[in-house]
Amino acid sequence: MGIKIGSGALVCEEAILKGDITIGSHTVVHPRASIIAEAGPIIIGEGNIIEEMSTIINRISPDDTGTPVQIIGNYNVFEVDSTCEASKVGDNNVLECKAYVSKQVELTNGCVIGASCSLRDEEVVPENTIIYGSQCHRREMNDKPYPQLGQLEYLMKMLLGYHHIYKPNMPPPKTESST
């Protein structure tokens, strides 16, 4: 229980972290980002970017039974003021500014939820789907999105110089050596 931070992760002390949270290596959590595990644990993978005022929440709802785990994959971007309640988020997804994804939604891989788009109905969003515009139009991308490695590298350098950072408290993953 508590907050577990992987090696190489950069989590600003000004972020709001509540509950049982695991943050994977090389993930960046900006100041004023909120990660709230009220219904159960939140597990966040590697290389994610969680920008200021964005919220990842494992919210309690009246029909919940047990302690559901919210799982966020690798290399996702949660832009400013976005909210993610999805119980499962795959890899390489982007929630643009003010996007909202409810608990009934599952994001697969490579999806982009456009600025101010809201997904409230129960669904599994197919891979490489872009949702955009005031009417939340949809289309499939021709190419898979790339991880935001350049942005991650830049943020790692910049945030270190200007914010207090939580120290990682999980050992690095063990690599198998070939003998």
N, C-alpha and C. Protein backbone atom coordinates (compact mmCIF):
# COMPACT_ATOMS: atom_id res chain seq x y z
N MET A 1 0.85 -1.18 0.00
CA MET A 1 0.00 0.00 0.00
C MET A 1 0.89 1.23 0.00
N GLY A 2 0.40 2.34 -0.51
CA GLY A 2 1.16 3.56 -0.55
C GLY A 2 1.59 3.89 -1.96
N ILE A 3 2.58 4.73 -2.06
CA ILE A 3 3.05 5.19 -3.36
C ILE A 3 4.39 4.54 -3.66
N LYS A 4 4.44 3.83 -4.80
CA LYS A 4 5.67 3.17 -5.24
C LYS A 4 6.11 3.84 -6.53
N ILE A 5 7.38 4.27 -6.55
CA ILE A 5 7.92 5.00 -7.70
C ILE A 5 9.11 4.23 -8.25
N GLY A 6 9.03 3.89 -9.55
CA GLY A 6 10.08 3.12 -10.21
C GLY A 6 11.32 3.94 -10.47
N SER A 7 12.44 3.26 -10.66
CA SER A 7 13.71 3.94 -10.92
C SER A 7 13.62 4.71 -12.23
N GLY A 8 14.17 5.89 -12.24
CA GLY A 8 14.16 6.73 -13.43
C GLY A 8 12.89 7.52 -13.61
N ALA A 9 11.88 7.30 -12.76
CA ALA A 9 10.64 8.08 -12.85
C ALA A 9 10.89 9.46 -12.23
N LEU A 10 10.17 10.44 -12.71
CA LEU A 10 10.29 11.80 -12.21
C LEU A 10 8.91 12.25 -11.76
N VAL A 11 8.69 12.27 -10.45
CA VAL A 11 7.39 12.63 -9.89
C VAL A 11 7.57 13.87 -9.03
N CYS A 12 6.96 14.97 -9.46
CA CYS A 12 7.08 16.23 -8.73
C CYS A 12 6.32 16.15 -7.41
N GLU A 13 6.92 16.69 -6.35
CA GLU A 13 6.29 16.67 -5.04
C GLU A 13 5.01 17.48 -5.01
N GLU A 14 4.84 18.42 -5.94
CA GLU A 14 3.63 19.24 -5.98
C GLU A 14 2.45 18.49 -6.59
N ALA A 15 2.67 17.28 -7.11
CA ALA A 15 1.58 16.47 -7.64
C ALA A 15 0.71 15.97 -6.49
N ILE A 16 -0.56 15.70 -6.78
CA ILE A 16 -1.48 15.18 -5.77
C ILE A 16 -1.57 13.67 -5.97
N LEU A 17 -1.07 12.93 -4.99
CA LEU A 17 -1.04 11.46 -5.06
C LEU A 17 -1.75 10.91 -3.84
N LYS A 18 -2.84 10.14 -4.05
CA LYS A 18 -3.61 9.59 -2.93
C LYS A 18 -3.93 8.13 -3.19
N GLY A 19 -3.64 7.29 -2.21
CA GLY A 19 -4.00 5.88 -2.30
C GLY A 19 -2.85 4.99 -2.71
N ASP A 20 -3.19 3.79 -3.16
CA ASP A 20 -2.22 2.77 -3.54
C ASP A 20 -1.86 2.97 -5.01
N ILE A 21 -0.69 3.58 -5.25
CA ILE A 21 -0.29 3.97 -6.61
C ILE A 21 1.10 3.39 -6.90
N THR A 22 1.24 2.80 -8.09
CA THR A 22 2.55 2.35 -8.56
C THR A 22 2.86 3.10 -9.84
N ILE A 23 3.99 3.78 -9.87
CA ILE A 23 4.41 4.57 -11.03
C ILE A 23 5.66 3.93 -11.61
N GLY A 24 5.57 3.53 -12.88
CA GLY A 24 6.66 2.82 -13.54
C GLY A 24 7.85 3.71 -13.86
N SER A 25 8.95 3.08 -14.22
CA SER A 25 10.18 3.79 -14.52
C SER A 25 10.00 4.73 -15.71
N HIS A 26 10.72 5.81 -15.70
CA HIS A 26 10.77 6.81 -16.76
C HIS A 26 9.43 7.49 -17.01
N THR A 27 8.52 7.42 -16.06
CA THR A 27 7.26 8.16 -16.16
C THR A 27 7.46 9.53 -15.54
N VAL A 28 6.85 10.55 -16.15
CA VAL A 28 6.95 11.92 -15.65
C VAL A 28 5.58 12.35 -15.15
N VAL A 29 5.53 12.81 -13.89
CA VAL A 29 4.30 13.34 -13.30
C VAL A 29 4.56 14.80 -12.96
N HIS A 30 3.89 15.69 -13.69
CA HIS A 30 4.08 17.13 -13.52
C HIS A 30 3.52 17.62 -12.19
N PRO A 31 3.94 18.82 -11.78
CA PRO A 31 3.31 19.43 -10.61
C PRO A 31 1.83 19.67 -10.90
N ARG A 32 1.00 19.57 -9.88
CA ARG A 32 -0.45 19.78 -9.95
C ARG A 32 -1.19 18.72 -10.76
N ALA A 33 -0.53 17.65 -11.17
CA ALA A 33 -1.24 16.50 -11.73
C ALA A 33 -1.84 15.74 -10.55
N SER A 34 -2.96 15.05 -10.77
CA SER A 34 -3.61 14.30 -9.69
C SER A 34 -3.74 12.84 -10.07
N ILE A 35 -3.30 11.97 -9.16
CA ILE A 35 -3.49 10.54 -9.33
C ILE A 35 -4.15 10.07 -8.03
N ILE A 36 -5.42 9.63 -8.15
CA ILE A 36 -6.21 9.35 -6.96
C ILE A 36 -6.78 7.93 -7.05
N ALA A 37 -6.34 7.08 -6.14
CA ALA A 37 -6.76 5.68 -6.10
C ALA A 37 -7.73 5.51 -4.94
N GLU A 38 -9.01 5.85 -5.16
CA GLU A 38 -9.98 5.73 -4.07
C GLU A 38 -10.71 4.40 -4.09
N ALA A 39 -10.94 3.79 -5.26
CA ALA A 39 -11.68 2.53 -5.35
C ALA A 39 -10.76 1.31 -5.31
N GLY A 40 -9.49 1.51 -5.57
CA GLY A 40 -8.53 0.42 -5.62
C GLY A 40 -7.22 0.94 -6.18
N PRO A 41 -6.23 0.07 -6.33
CA PRO A 41 -4.90 0.48 -6.78
C PRO A 41 -4.89 1.02 -8.21
N ILE A 42 -3.92 1.87 -8.47
CA ILE A 42 -3.63 2.35 -9.82
C ILE A 42 -2.21 1.93 -10.14
N ILE A 43 -2.05 1.24 -11.28
CA ILE A 43 -0.71 0.81 -11.72
C ILE A 43 -0.43 1.52 -13.03
N ILE A 44 0.62 2.34 -13.04
CA ILE A 44 1.01 3.11 -14.21
C ILE A 44 2.32 2.55 -14.74
N GLY A 45 2.36 2.25 -16.03
CA GLY A 45 3.53 1.63 -16.65
C GLY A 45 4.68 2.59 -16.85
N GLU A 46 5.54 2.26 -17.82
CA GLU A 46 6.77 3.01 -18.08
C GLU A 46 6.55 4.12 -19.11
N GLY A 47 7.33 5.19 -18.96
CA GLY A 47 7.44 6.21 -19.99
C GLY A 47 6.19 7.03 -20.24
N ASN A 48 5.29 7.13 -19.26
CA ASN A 48 4.09 7.95 -19.42
C ASN A 48 4.39 9.40 -19.08
N ILE A 49 3.60 10.30 -19.66
CA ILE A 49 3.69 11.73 -19.34
C ILE A 49 2.33 12.15 -18.80
N ILE A 50 2.31 12.62 -17.56
CA ILE A 50 1.08 13.05 -16.92
C ILE A 50 1.26 14.54 -16.61
N GLU A 51 0.64 15.38 -17.44
CA GLU A 51 0.87 16.82 -17.38
C GLU A 51 0.07 17.49 -16.27
N GLU A 52 0.38 18.77 -16.01
CA GLU A 52 -0.25 19.52 -14.95
C GLU A 52 -1.77 19.59 -15.14
N MET A 53 -2.45 19.52 -14.01
CA MET A 53 -3.91 19.58 -13.92
C MET A 53 -4.62 18.40 -14.57
N SER A 54 -3.88 17.40 -15.06
CA SER A 54 -4.53 16.19 -15.55
C SER A 54 -4.86 15.30 -14.35
N THR A 55 -5.88 14.45 -14.51
CA THR A 55 -6.33 13.60 -13.41
C THR A 55 -6.46 12.17 -13.89
N ILE A 56 -5.86 11.26 -13.15
CA ILE A 56 -6.09 9.84 -13.32
C ILE A 56 -6.73 9.39 -12.02
N ILE A 57 -7.95 8.85 -12.12
CA ILE A 57 -8.67 8.51 -10.89
C ILE A 57 -9.34 7.15 -11.02
N ASN A 58 -9.17 6.35 -10.01
CA ASN A 58 -9.88 5.08 -9.88
C ASN A 58 -11.01 5.38 -8.90
N ARG A 59 -12.14 5.81 -9.46
CA ARG A 59 -13.25 6.34 -8.68
C ARG A 59 -14.18 5.24 -8.19
N ILE A 60 -14.71 5.44 -6.99
CA ILE A 60 -15.71 4.54 -6.44
C ILE A 60 -17.05 4.86 -7.09
N SER A 61 -17.74 3.81 -7.57
CA SER A 61 -19.08 4.00 -8.09
C SER A 61 -20.02 3.06 -7.34
N PRO A 62 -21.32 3.35 -7.33
CA PRO A 62 -22.26 2.56 -6.53
C PRO A 62 -22.28 1.07 -6.86
N ASP A 63 -21.99 0.69 -8.11
CA ASP A 63 -22.06 -0.72 -8.49
C ASP A 63 -20.73 -1.46 -8.39
N ASP A 64 -19.71 -0.84 -7.79
CA ASP A 64 -18.42 -1.49 -7.65
C ASP A 64 -18.47 -2.61 -6.62
N THR A 65 -17.78 -3.71 -6.94
CA THR A 65 -17.59 -4.79 -5.98
C THR A 65 -16.10 -5.09 -5.93
N GLY A 66 -15.60 -5.34 -4.76
CA GLY A 66 -14.17 -5.63 -4.62
C GLY A 66 -13.32 -4.39 -4.75
N THR A 67 -12.06 -4.60 -5.09
CA THR A 67 -11.13 -3.48 -5.27
C THR A 67 -10.57 -3.55 -6.68
N PRO A 68 -11.24 -2.93 -7.64
CA PRO A 68 -10.76 -2.99 -9.03
C PRO A 68 -9.44 -2.24 -9.18
N VAL A 69 -8.58 -2.82 -9.99
CA VAL A 69 -7.29 -2.21 -10.27
C VAL A 69 -7.40 -1.43 -11.58
N GLN A 70 -6.92 -0.20 -11.57
CA GLN A 70 -6.86 0.61 -12.79
C GLN A 70 -5.45 0.44 -13.35
N ILE A 71 -5.37 0.02 -14.62
CA ILE A 71 -4.06 -0.25 -15.22
C ILE A 71 -3.83 0.70 -16.39
N ILE A 72 -2.74 1.44 -16.32
CA ILE A 72 -2.32 2.35 -17.37
C ILE A 72 -1.05 1.74 -17.98
N GLY A 73 -1.05 1.54 -19.30
CA GLY A 73 0.09 0.91 -19.97
C GLY A 73 1.31 1.81 -20.06
N ASN A 74 2.05 1.68 -21.15
CA ASN A 74 3.31 2.39 -21.35
C ASN A 74 3.19 3.48 -22.41
N TYR A 75 3.96 4.53 -22.24
CA TYR A 75 4.14 5.61 -23.22
C TYR A 75 2.83 6.31 -23.59
N ASN A 76 1.98 6.54 -22.61
CA ASN A 76 0.76 7.31 -22.80
C ASN A 76 1.02 8.76 -22.42
N VAL A 77 0.25 9.68 -23.00
CA VAL A 77 0.36 11.10 -22.66
C VAL A 77 -1.01 11.58 -22.20
N PHE A 78 -1.04 12.16 -21.01
CA PHE A 78 -2.25 12.76 -20.45
C PHE A 78 -2.00 14.26 -20.42
N GLU A 79 -2.56 14.97 -21.40
CA GLU A 79 -2.27 16.40 -21.53
C GLU A 79 -3.02 17.22 -20.48
N VAL A 80 -2.72 18.51 -20.45
CA VAL A 80 -3.24 19.44 -19.46
C VAL A 80 -4.76 19.33 -19.32
N ASP A 81 -5.22 19.18 -18.08
CA ASP A 81 -6.63 19.19 -17.71
C ASP A 81 -7.43 18.03 -18.30
N SER A 82 -6.77 16.94 -18.71
CA SER A 82 -7.50 15.76 -19.15
C SER A 82 -7.87 14.93 -17.93
N THR A 83 -8.91 14.09 -18.07
CA THR A 83 -9.33 13.23 -16.97
C THR A 83 -9.50 11.81 -17.50
N CYS A 84 -8.88 10.87 -16.82
CA CYS A 84 -8.97 9.46 -17.21
C CYS A 84 -9.46 8.64 -16.02
N GLU A 85 -10.65 8.03 -16.19
CA GLU A 85 -11.18 7.11 -15.20
C GLU A 85 -11.19 5.68 -15.74
N ALA A 86 -10.75 5.49 -16.97
CA ALA A 86 -10.80 4.17 -17.63
C ALA A 86 -10.12 3.11 -16.77
N SER A 87 -10.74 1.94 -16.68
CA SER A 87 -10.16 0.88 -15.86
C SER A 87 -8.93 0.28 -16.52
N LYS A 88 -8.85 0.41 -17.86
CA LYS A 88 -7.68 -0.12 -18.56
C LYS A 88 -7.32 0.81 -19.72
N VAL A 89 -6.05 1.17 -19.78
CA VAL A 89 -5.51 1.98 -20.86
C VAL A 89 -4.29 1.23 -21.39
N GLY A 90 -4.25 0.98 -22.69
CA GLY A 90 -3.14 0.25 -23.29
C GLY A 90 -1.89 1.11 -23.41
N ASP A 91 -1.19 1.01 -24.54
CA ASP A 91 0.07 1.71 -24.77
C ASP A 91 -0.10 2.77 -25.87
N ASN A 92 0.74 3.80 -25.80
CA ASN A 92 0.85 4.84 -26.84
C ASN A 92 -0.45 5.58 -27.12
N ASN A 93 -1.21 5.89 -26.08
CA ASN A 93 -2.43 6.66 -26.23
C ASN A 93 -2.18 8.11 -25.84
N VAL A 94 -3.00 9.01 -26.38
CA VAL A 94 -2.91 10.43 -26.03
C VAL A 94 -4.30 10.92 -25.65
N LEU A 95 -4.42 11.50 -24.48
CA LEU A 95 -5.62 12.23 -24.09
C LEU A 95 -5.24 13.70 -24.17
N GLU A 96 -5.79 14.40 -25.16
CA GLU A 96 -5.43 15.79 -25.36
C GLU A 96 -6.09 16.68 -24.30
N CYS A 97 -5.79 17.96 -24.34
CA CYS A 97 -6.28 18.91 -23.35
C CYS A 97 -7.79 18.79 -23.16
N LYS A 98 -8.21 18.72 -21.90
CA LYS A 98 -9.62 18.68 -21.49
C LYS A 98 -10.38 17.46 -21.99
N ALA A 99 -9.70 16.42 -22.45
CA ALA A 99 -10.37 15.18 -22.85
C ALA A 99 -10.85 14.46 -21.59
N TYR A 100 -11.93 13.69 -21.74
CA TYR A 100 -12.48 12.94 -20.61
C TYR A 100 -12.81 11.52 -21.06
N VAL A 101 -12.35 10.54 -20.27
CA VAL A 101 -12.63 9.13 -20.54
C VAL A 101 -13.19 8.53 -19.26
N SER A 102 -14.44 8.01 -19.33
CA SER A 102 -15.10 7.48 -18.14
C SER A 102 -14.63 6.08 -17.79
N LYS A 103 -15.07 5.61 -16.64
CA LYS A 103 -14.70 4.31 -16.11
C LYS A 103 -15.18 3.16 -17.00
N GLN A 104 -16.25 3.37 -17.77
CA GLN A 104 -16.83 2.32 -18.60
C GLN A 104 -16.07 2.13 -19.91
N VAL A 105 -15.07 2.95 -20.16
CA VAL A 105 -14.34 2.92 -21.43
C VAL A 105 -13.00 2.20 -21.22
N GLU A 106 -12.62 1.40 -22.23
CA GLU A 106 -11.29 0.80 -22.25
C GLU A 106 -10.58 1.32 -23.49
N LEU A 107 -9.41 1.93 -23.29
CA LEU A 107 -8.59 2.38 -24.42
C LEU A 107 -7.61 1.26 -24.75
N THR A 108 -7.55 0.88 -26.00
CA THR A 108 -6.63 -0.17 -26.41
C THR A 108 -5.24 0.46 -26.61
N ASN A 109 -4.69 0.40 -27.82
CA ASN A 109 -3.35 0.96 -28.08
C ASN A 109 -3.42 1.98 -29.21
N GLY A 110 -2.61 3.03 -29.09
CA GLY A 110 -2.46 3.99 -30.17
C GLY A 110 -3.65 4.88 -30.43
N CYS A 111 -4.48 5.12 -29.43
CA CYS A 111 -5.66 5.97 -29.61
C CYS A 111 -5.35 7.41 -29.24
N VAL A 112 -6.04 8.34 -29.92
CA VAL A 112 -5.93 9.76 -29.59
C VAL A 112 -7.33 10.25 -29.29
N ILE A 113 -7.53 10.75 -28.08
CA ILE A 113 -8.80 11.36 -27.70
C ILE A 113 -8.57 12.86 -27.78
N GLY A 114 -9.22 13.50 -28.73
CA GLY A 114 -8.96 14.90 -29.05
C GLY A 114 -9.35 15.87 -27.95
N ALA A 115 -8.89 17.10 -28.11
CA ALA A 115 -9.15 18.16 -27.15
C ALA A 115 -10.65 18.30 -26.90
N SER A 116 -11.03 18.33 -25.65
CA SER A 116 -12.41 18.51 -25.19
C SER A 116 -13.37 17.39 -25.59
N CYS A 117 -12.87 16.28 -26.13
CA CYS A 117 -13.74 15.14 -26.45
C CYS A 117 -14.03 14.36 -25.18
N SER A 118 -15.24 13.80 -25.11
CA SER A 118 -15.68 13.11 -23.92
C SER A 118 -16.24 11.74 -24.29
N LEU A 119 -15.71 10.69 -23.67
CA LEU A 119 -16.20 9.33 -23.87
C LEU A 119 -16.85 8.88 -22.56
N ARG A 120 -18.17 8.73 -22.57
CA ARG A 120 -18.91 8.40 -21.35
C ARG A 120 -19.60 7.05 -21.41
N ASP A 121 -19.91 6.54 -22.60
CA ASP A 121 -20.64 5.28 -22.74
C ASP A 121 -19.69 4.10 -22.72
N GLU A 122 -20.20 2.95 -22.29
CA GLU A 122 -19.38 1.74 -22.21
C GLU A 122 -18.92 1.33 -23.61
N GLU A 123 -17.61 1.17 -23.78
CA GLU A 123 -17.05 0.75 -25.06
C GLU A 123 -15.58 0.38 -24.91
N VAL A 124 -15.11 -0.39 -25.89
CA VAL A 124 -13.67 -0.65 -26.05
C VAL A 124 -13.27 0.08 -27.32
N VAL A 125 -12.41 1.08 -27.20
CA VAL A 125 -12.00 1.88 -28.36
C VAL A 125 -10.99 1.07 -29.16
N PRO A 126 -11.26 0.81 -30.45
CA PRO A 126 -10.34 0.00 -31.26
C PRO A 126 -8.96 0.65 -31.40
N GLU A 127 -7.96 -0.17 -31.66
CA GLU A 127 -6.59 0.34 -31.81
C GLU A 127 -6.51 1.39 -32.90
N ASN A 128 -5.61 2.36 -32.68
CA ASN A 128 -5.28 3.42 -33.64
C ASN A 128 -6.48 4.27 -34.04
N THR A 129 -7.41 4.49 -33.12
CA THR A 129 -8.58 5.33 -33.37
C THR A 129 -8.30 6.76 -32.92
N ILE A 130 -8.69 7.70 -33.77
CA ILE A 130 -8.62 9.12 -33.40
C ILE A 130 -10.05 9.59 -33.19
N ILE A 131 -10.31 10.24 -32.06
CA ILE A 131 -11.61 10.84 -31.78
C ILE A 131 -11.36 12.34 -31.70
N TYR A 132 -12.09 13.12 -32.51
CA TYR A 132 -11.76 14.54 -32.65
C TYR A 132 -13.01 15.37 -32.90
N GLY A 133 -12.87 16.67 -32.68
CA GLY A 133 -13.92 17.63 -33.02
C GLY A 133 -15.03 17.71 -31.98
N SER A 134 -15.88 18.73 -32.13
CA SER A 134 -16.94 18.97 -31.16
C SER A 134 -18.00 17.87 -31.18
N GLN A 135 -18.10 17.11 -32.26
CA GLN A 135 -19.05 16.00 -32.35
C GLN A 135 -18.38 14.65 -32.06
N CYS A 136 -17.13 14.67 -31.66
CA CYS A 136 -16.36 13.45 -31.36
C CYS A 136 -16.38 12.48 -32.54
N HIS A 137 -16.05 12.99 -33.71
CA HIS A 137 -15.93 12.14 -34.90
C HIS A 137 -14.81 11.14 -34.69
N ARG A 138 -14.85 10.04 -35.47
CA ARG A 138 -13.84 8.99 -35.32
C ARG A 138 -13.29 8.60 -36.69
N ARG A 139 -12.04 8.23 -36.66
CA ARG A 139 -11.42 7.63 -37.84
C ARG A 139 -10.25 6.79 -37.36
N GLU A 140 -9.77 5.93 -38.25
CA GLU A 140 -8.63 5.08 -37.92
C GLU A 140 -7.37 5.69 -38.52
N MET A 141 -6.29 5.70 -37.75
CA MET A 141 -5.01 6.20 -38.25
C MET A 141 -4.39 5.18 -39.19
N ASN A 142 -3.67 5.68 -40.19
CA ASN A 142 -2.96 4.78 -41.10
C ASN A 142 -1.72 4.20 -40.44
N ASP A 143 -1.03 5.01 -39.66
CA ASP A 143 0.20 4.58 -38.99
C ASP A 143 -0.01 4.53 -37.49
N LYS A 144 0.74 3.67 -36.84
CA LYS A 144 0.70 3.62 -35.38
C LYS A 144 1.48 4.81 -34.83
N PRO A 145 0.99 5.41 -33.74
CA PRO A 145 1.73 6.54 -33.16
C PRO A 145 3.03 6.08 -32.51
N TYR A 146 3.99 6.98 -32.49
CA TYR A 146 5.28 6.70 -31.87
C TYR A 146 5.28 7.20 -30.43
N PRO A 147 6.02 6.53 -29.54
CA PRO A 147 6.15 7.05 -28.18
C PRO A 147 6.80 8.43 -28.19
N GLN A 148 6.44 9.26 -27.23
CA GLN A 148 6.93 10.63 -27.14
C GLN A 148 8.29 10.67 -26.43
N LEU A 149 9.28 9.96 -26.97
CA LEU A 149 10.57 9.83 -26.29
C LEU A 149 11.31 11.16 -26.20
N GLY A 150 11.24 11.98 -27.25
CA GLY A 150 11.91 13.29 -27.22
C GLY A 150 11.34 14.18 -26.14
N GLN A 151 10.02 14.20 -26.02
CA GLN A 151 9.37 15.01 -24.99
C GLN A 151 9.72 14.48 -23.60
N LEU A 152 9.75 13.17 -23.44
CA LEU A 152 10.13 12.58 -22.15
C LEU A 152 11.54 13.00 -21.74
N GLU A 153 12.46 12.90 -22.67
CA GLU A 153 13.85 13.26 -22.40
C GLU A 153 13.96 14.73 -21.99
N TYR A 154 13.27 15.60 -22.73
CA TYR A 154 13.30 17.03 -22.44
C TYR A 154 12.71 17.32 -21.05
N LEU A 155 11.58 16.71 -20.73
CA LEU A 155 10.94 16.95 -19.44
C LEU A 155 11.81 16.46 -18.29
N MET A 156 12.49 15.34 -18.49
CA MET A 156 13.36 14.81 -17.44
C MET A 156 14.43 15.84 -17.06
N LYS A 157 14.98 16.50 -18.07
CA LYS A 157 16.02 17.50 -17.81
C LYS A 157 15.45 18.78 -17.20
N MET A 158 14.35 19.26 -17.77
CA MET A 158 13.80 20.56 -17.34
C MET A 158 13.17 20.51 -15.95
N LEU A 159 12.35 19.53 -15.68
CA LEU A 159 11.65 19.50 -14.40
C LEU A 159 12.60 19.30 -13.23
N LEU A 160 13.68 18.56 -13.45
CA LEU A 160 14.65 18.34 -12.37
C LEU A 160 15.23 19.65 -11.85
N GLY A 161 15.42 20.62 -12.74
CA GLY A 161 16.03 21.88 -12.34
C GLY A 161 15.10 22.84 -11.63
N TYR A 162 13.79 22.60 -11.68
CA TYR A 162 12.85 23.60 -11.18
C TYR A 162 11.87 23.09 -10.13
N HIS A 163 11.86 21.79 -9.83
CA HIS A 163 10.87 21.25 -8.90
C HIS A 163 11.51 20.26 -7.94
N HIS A 164 10.87 20.10 -6.77
CA HIS A 164 11.27 19.06 -5.84
C HIS A 164 10.68 17.75 -6.35
N ILE A 165 11.49 16.71 -6.30
CA ILE A 165 11.13 15.43 -6.91
C ILE A 165 11.12 14.33 -5.84
N TYR A 166 10.09 13.45 -5.89
CA TYR A 166 10.09 12.27 -5.03
C TYR A 166 11.22 11.35 -5.46
N LYS A 167 11.84 10.72 -4.50
CA LYS A 167 12.89 9.75 -4.81
C LYS A 167 12.24 8.39 -5.14
N PRO A 168 12.76 7.71 -6.16
CA PRO A 168 12.24 6.37 -6.47
C PRO A 168 12.41 5.46 -5.26
N ASN A 169 11.43 4.59 -5.01
CA ASN A 169 11.52 3.69 -3.87
C ASN A 169 11.30 2.23 -4.26
N MET A 170 11.35 1.97 -5.58
CA MET A 170 11.28 0.58 -6.05
C MET A 170 12.61 0.25 -6.73
N PRO A 171 13.11 -0.95 -6.52
CA PRO A 171 14.37 -1.31 -7.18
C PRO A 171 14.15 -1.42 -8.69
N PRO A 172 15.22 -1.18 -9.47
CA PRO A 172 15.08 -1.35 -10.91
C PRO A 172 14.72 -2.79 -11.24
N PRO A 173 13.98 -2.99 -12.35
CA PRO A 173 13.64 -4.37 -12.71
C PRO A 173 14.88 -5.20 -12.99
N LYS A 174 14.84 -6.46 -12.60
CA LYS A 174 15.98 -7.34 -12.81
C LYS A 174 16.01 -7.79 -14.26
N THR A 175 17.19 -7.73 -14.83
CA THR A 175 17.34 -8.20 -16.21
C THR A 175 18.01 -9.57 -16.16
N GLU A 176 17.55 -10.45 -17.02
CA GLU A 176 18.13 -11.79 -17.07
C GLU A 176 19.41 -11.72 -17.88
N SER A 177 20.47 -12.24 -17.31
CA SER A 177 21.74 -12.26 -18.04
C SER A 177 21.91 -13.62 -18.69
N SER A 178 22.42 -13.58 -19.91
CA SER A 178 22.63 -14.86 -20.60
C SER A 178 23.98 -15.44 -20.17
N THR A 179 23.94 -16.68 -19.74
CA THR A 179 25.17 -17.35 -19.29
C THR A 179 25.45 -18.58 -20.07
